[in-house]
Amino acid sequence: MESDPNPKPNVNHIGGIPIEFPYPPYGSQLAYMSRVITTLDRAQRDGHFHALLESPTGTGKSLSLLCSVLAWQKNHRSKSLYGNIDPLGGQDGGFVPEMEQPSVVFWLFRRTHLQISQVIREFRKTSYHVPMAVLGSRKRYCINAKVRGQDNIDEKCKILLKQIKRKKVGCREYVNTTMVRAHPSLRKGGCYEVHDIEDLVKVGEMVQGCPYFAAQAMAEVADIVFCPYSYIINPQIRQAMEINLKGNIIILDEAQ
């Protein structure tokens, strides 16, 4: 008997939230996900909360983290959209609307881009393929043949953008940025729906569009954003990238 190439995920109810996991979770993974859900519930209730969670190496911590936070996000959004069901039945189909809540975005920080690629591989295993973005530097994203690989790439890029405003040649890739975001491979069900920097660069090269600015635009509408620690710790980088974390959830993964 052949195995199912697309097995259904295991559903575990933790704290009243159904969490889909790609395989039967270990006890340590269930315990970890329970702590994550408890932390997020308390943060929502109190408006702020901090937690330091740890799990031994090799216990599937990153996968447990991703499944639990994205399940919680899905549940949070569902409540915001539909409210709670009135058990007595009332007007408007028995729904009691809740006050509209802002959408919560998860910002997941890791030390290096290599570690980010590793956690994105875990993200691919989940059933929660929500809108995402991976922020990175021009050095990693730029595909403009005139400036890529140069030490002063940031300044060169800014000069090209100024030329566009002056209606000179400028950067063709920047002009085509929207073609990257609109590419079918990045949409629901596309081969790069879950992607890392290298995948977005490939799409940029296919359409001759800028993956650097495409990633920033995608971050504005993403449910989860991946980026290095420096994007939150370094105030200059944080300001340059215009990162606003107010009302969102910050996760420092591999924070040791």
Protein backbone atom coordinates (compact mmCIF):
# COMPACT_ATOMS: atom_id res chain seq x y z
CA MET A 1 0.00 0.00 0.00
CA GLU A 2 1.46 3.33 -1.10
CA SER A 3 1.87 6.10 1.46
CA ASP A 4 -0.08 9.30 1.03
CA PRO A 5 2.25 11.95 -0.52
CA ASN A 6 0.18 14.66 1.20
CA PRO A 7 -0.72 13.25 4.62
CA LYS A 8 -3.20 15.18 6.71
CA PRO A 9 -1.61 17.02 9.63
CA ASN A 10 -2.22 15.89 13.19
CA VAL A 11 -4.54 18.26 15.06
CA ASN A 12 -3.90 18.82 18.77
CA HIS A 13 -6.12 21.09 20.86
CA ILE A 14 -4.03 23.16 23.26
CA GLY A 15 -5.60 25.95 25.30
CA GLY A 16 -8.75 25.68 23.18
CA ILE A 17 -6.79 26.23 19.96
CA PRO A 18 -6.48 23.51 17.29
CA ILE A 19 -2.81 23.22 16.29
CA GLU A 20 -1.96 21.36 13.10
CA PHE A 21 1.35 19.49 13.29
CA PRO A 22 2.93 17.59 10.37
CA TYR A 23 3.32 14.39 12.44
CA PRO A 24 2.36 13.06 15.89
CA PRO A 25 4.17 15.41 18.30
CA TYR A 26 6.36 14.25 21.15
CA GLY A 27 5.44 15.10 24.72
CA SER A 28 8.19 17.72 24.85
CA GLN A 29 6.76 19.39 21.73
CA LEU A 30 3.25 19.44 23.20
CA ALA A 31 4.60 20.98 26.40
CA TYR A 32 6.52 23.60 24.44
CA MET A 33 3.51 24.54 22.31
CA SER A 34 1.38 24.79 25.45
CA ARG A 35 3.79 27.32 26.91
CA VAL A 36 3.77 29.31 23.67
CA ILE A 37 -0.05 29.47 23.61
CA THR A 38 -0.17 30.46 27.29
CA THR A 39 2.36 33.23 26.65
CA LEU A 40 0.46 34.62 23.67
CA ASP A 41 -2.89 34.53 25.49
CA ARG A 42 -1.42 36.43 28.40
CA ALA A 43 0.22 38.96 26.09
CA GLN A 44 -3.13 39.57 24.41
CA ARG A 45 -4.91 39.93 27.75
CA ASP A 46 -2.36 42.20 29.46
CA GLY A 47 -1.18 44.12 26.40
CA HIS A 48 2.42 43.00 26.94
CA PHE A 49 4.26 39.98 28.24
CA HIS A 50 7.69 38.41 28.04
CA ALA A 51 8.68 34.77 28.20
CA LEU A 52 11.93 32.82 27.98
CA LEU A 53 11.23 29.36 26.57
CA GLU A 54 13.81 26.68 25.97
CA SER A 55 13.93 23.15 24.67
CA PRO A 56 16.85 20.75 24.15
CA THR A 57 18.56 20.62 20.77
CA GLY A 58 16.94 18.15 18.39
CA THR A 59 13.46 18.27 19.92
CA GLY A 60 11.85 20.11 17.00
CA LYS A 61 11.63 23.44 18.79
CA SER A 62 11.43 25.62 15.66
CA LEU A 63 8.64 23.54 14.13
CA SER A 64 6.73 23.53 17.42
CA LEU A 65 7.17 27.30 17.67
CA LEU A 66 5.95 27.98 14.14
CA CYS A 67 2.90 25.70 14.36
CA SER A 68 1.79 27.08 17.71
CA VAL A 69 2.22 30.79 16.95
CA LEU A 70 0.55 30.53 13.55
CA ALA A 71 -2.33 28.48 14.96
CA TRP A 72 -2.79 31.13 17.65
CA GLN A 73 -2.68 33.86 15.01
CA LYS A 74 -5.32 32.07 12.92
CA ASN A 75 -7.57 31.71 15.96
CA HIS A 76 -7.03 35.35 16.96
CA ARG A 77 -7.97 36.51 13.47
CA SER A 78 -11.04 34.30 13.37
CA LYS A 79 -12.30 35.84 16.61
CA SER A 80 -11.67 39.32 15.28
CA LEU A 81 -13.64 38.61 12.12
CA TYR A 82 -16.58 36.60 13.45
CA GLY A 83 -16.81 37.33 17.15
CA ASN A 84 -18.11 34.75 19.61
CA ILE A 85 -21.15 32.56 19.15
CA ASP A 86 -24.04 33.39 21.45
CA PRO A 87 -25.18 30.02 22.94
CA LEU A 88 -28.71 31.44 23.43
CA GLY A 89 -28.93 32.55 19.85
CA GLY A 90 -29.54 36.13 19.09
CA GLN A 91 -29.80 38.56 16.29
CA ASP A 92 -27.41 38.46 13.32
CA GLY A 93 -27.25 34.66 13.29
CA GLY A 94 -26.33 34.19 16.93
CA PHE A 95 -23.01 36.03 16.71
CA VAL A 96 -21.88 38.53 19.31
CA PRO A 97 -19.42 40.86 17.57
CA GLU A 98 -16.22 41.68 19.42
CA MET A 99 -14.43 44.99 19.22
CA GLU A 100 -12.26 45.04 16.11
CA GLN A 101 -8.70 44.05 16.96
CA PRO A 102 -5.63 44.95 14.92
CA SER A 103 -3.98 42.15 13.01
CA VAL A 104 -1.04 40.66 14.91
CA VAL A 105 2.13 40.10 12.90
CA PHE A 106 4.92 37.83 14.08
CA TRP A 107 8.48 39.08 13.64
CA LEU A 108 10.86 36.14 13.94
CA PHE A 109 14.50 37.12 14.41
CA ARG A 110 17.50 34.82 14.08
CA ARG A 111 21.19 35.55 14.29
CA THR A 112 22.20 34.87 10.66
CA HIS A 113 20.61 34.46 7.25
CA LEU A 114 21.75 30.83 7.26
CA GLN A 115 19.72 30.23 10.42
CA ILE A 116 16.77 32.01 8.80
CA SER A 117 16.98 29.61 5.83
CA GLN A 118 16.92 26.72 8.29
CA VAL A 119 13.77 27.92 10.05
CA ILE A 120 12.08 28.57 6.70
CA ARG A 121 12.71 24.91 5.80
CA GLU A 122 10.75 24.05 8.95
CA PHE A 123 8.06 26.56 7.93
CA ARG A 124 7.60 24.61 4.67
CA LYS A 125 6.63 21.52 6.67
CA THR A 126 3.66 23.25 8.28
CA SER A 127 0.15 23.66 6.89
CA TYR A 128 0.21 27.37 7.80
CA HIS A 129 1.49 28.89 4.57
CA VAL A 130 0.49 32.45 5.43
CA PRO A 131 1.75 35.61 3.68
CA MET A 132 5.41 36.01 4.59
CA ALA A 133 8.51 38.07 3.96
CA VAL A 134 12.25 37.75 4.48
CA LEU A 135 14.10 41.02 5.01
CA GLY A 136 17.73 41.23 3.96
CA SER A 137 20.38 43.68 2.83
CA ARG A 138 20.95 45.04 -0.66
CA LYS A 139 24.16 43.02 -0.71
CA ARG A 140 22.10 39.82 -0.56
CA TYR A 141 19.17 40.91 -2.71
CA CYS A 142 20.48 43.27 -5.43
CA ILE A 143 20.47 41.87 -8.99
CA ASN A 144 21.44 45.09 -10.81
CA ALA A 145 24.59 44.17 -12.78
CA LYS A 146 25.99 47.70 -12.40
CA VAL A 147 26.14 47.70 -8.60
CA ARG A 148 25.76 44.14 -7.27
CA GLY A 149 28.84 42.89 -5.48
CA GLN A 150 30.25 46.37 -4.87
CA ASP A 151 31.29 47.45 -1.38
CA ASN A 152 29.31 50.70 -1.55
CA ILE A 153 26.17 49.09 -2.92
CA ASP A 154 23.84 51.04 -0.61
CA GLU A 155 25.10 54.40 -1.89
CA LYS A 156 25.11 53.22 -5.51
CA CYS A 157 21.51 52.12 -5.16
CA LYS A 158 20.44 55.46 -3.73
CA ILE A 159 22.14 57.28 -6.62
CA LEU A 160 20.25 55.15 -9.14
CA LEU A 161 16.94 55.86 -7.38
CA LYS A 162 17.65 59.59 -7.56
CA GLN A 163 18.24 59.23 -11.30
CA ILE A 164 14.78 57.67 -11.66
CA LYS A 165 13.23 60.71 -9.99
CA ARG A 166 15.08 62.91 -12.45
CA LYS A 167 13.71 60.76 -15.29
CA LYS A 168 17.12 59.41 -16.18
CA VAL A 169 18.04 55.76 -16.71
CA GLY A 170 18.27 54.80 -13.05
CA CYS A 171 17.52 51.20 -12.02
CA ARG A 172 15.28 49.15 -14.26
CA GLU A 173 14.90 46.49 -11.57
CA TYR A 174 13.47 49.00 -9.09
CA VAL A 175 10.88 50.10 -11.66
CA ASN A 176 9.85 46.45 -12.07
CA THR A 177 9.53 45.74 -8.33
CA THR A 178 5.78 45.06 -8.53
CA MET A 179 6.44 42.31 -11.09
CA VAL A 180 8.28 40.36 -8.39
CA ARG A 181 5.43 40.62 -5.87
CA ALA A 182 2.84 39.69 -8.51
CA HIS A 183 4.71 36.63 -9.79
CA PRO A 184 2.51 33.47 -9.68
CA SER A 185 5.23 31.43 -7.96
CA LEU A 186 4.91 33.62 -4.84
CA ARG A 187 1.14 33.32 -4.63
CA LYS A 188 -0.96 30.73 -2.81
CA GLY A 189 0.07 27.29 -4.03
CA GLY A 190 3.09 28.59 -5.94
CA CYS A 191 6.46 26.88 -5.70
CA TYR A 192 7.88 29.90 -3.82
CA GLU A 193 4.84 30.58 -1.64
CA VAL A 194 7.23 29.80 1.21
CA HIS A 195 10.56 31.25 0.16
CA ASP A 196 13.94 32.37 1.36
CA ILE A 197 16.27 35.07 0.01
CA GLU A 198 17.66 32.88 -2.77
CA ASP A 199 14.16 32.04 -4.02
CA LEU A 200 13.13 35.70 -4.17
CA VAL A 201 16.35 36.53 -6.02
CA LYS A 202 15.49 33.85 -8.61
CA VAL A 203 12.07 35.42 -9.14
CA GLY A 204 13.67 38.86 -9.44
CA GLU A 205 16.06 37.58 -12.08
CA MET A 206 13.20 35.99 -14.03
CA VAL A 207 11.22 39.23 -14.27
CA GLN A 208 14.14 41.68 -13.96
CA GLY A 209 12.57 43.18 -10.85
CA CYS A 210 14.12 44.23 -7.54
CA PRO A 211 13.81 41.55 -4.82
CA TYR A 212 15.17 43.94 -2.15
CA PHE A 213 12.29 46.40 -2.41
CA ALA A 214 9.83 43.58 -3.16
CA ALA A 215 10.71 41.99 0.19
CA GLN A 216 10.07 45.28 2.00
CA ALA A 217 6.69 45.68 0.29
CA MET A 218 5.76 42.10 1.13
CA ALA A 219 6.66 42.69 4.79
CA GLU A 220 3.99 45.40 4.96
CA VAL A 221 1.23 42.85 4.33
CA ALA A 222 2.84 39.70 5.79
CA ASP A 223 1.58 37.63 8.70
CA ILE A 224 5.12 36.57 9.58
CA VAL A 225 8.40 38.33 8.84
CA PHE A 226 11.84 36.74 9.10
CA CYS A 227 14.99 38.82 9.60
CA PRO A 228 18.34 38.91 11.46
CA TYR A 229 18.76 40.14 15.04
CA SER A 230 20.49 43.30 13.85
CA TYR A 231 17.23 44.58 12.38
CA ILE A 232 15.82 45.09 15.88
CA ILE A 233 18.97 45.52 17.99
CA ASN A 234 20.73 48.07 15.76
CA PRO A 235 18.73 51.33 15.88
CA GLN A 236 20.24 52.60 12.64
CA ILE A 237 19.21 49.52 10.67
CA ARG A 238 15.79 49.51 12.33
CA GLN A 239 15.24 53.14 11.34
CA ALA A 240 16.57 52.65 7.81
CA MET A 241 14.24 49.68 7.27
CA GLU A 242 11.32 51.61 8.85
CA ILE A 243 10.47 48.66 11.10
CA ASN A 244 7.45 49.32 13.33
CA LEU A 245 6.84 46.57 15.87
CA LYS A 246 4.04 48.24 17.84
CA GLY A 247 1.23 45.82 18.60
CA ASN A 248 3.07 42.86 17.11
CA ILE A 249 4.80 39.79 18.55
CA ILE A 250 8.61 39.64 18.63
CA ILE A 251 10.31 36.24 18.67
CA LEU A 252 14.06 35.89 19.17
CA ASP A 253 14.70 32.34 18.05
CA GLU A 254 18.02 30.71 18.98
CA ALA A 255 18.63 33.59 21.41
CA GLN A 256 21.44 31.99 23.37
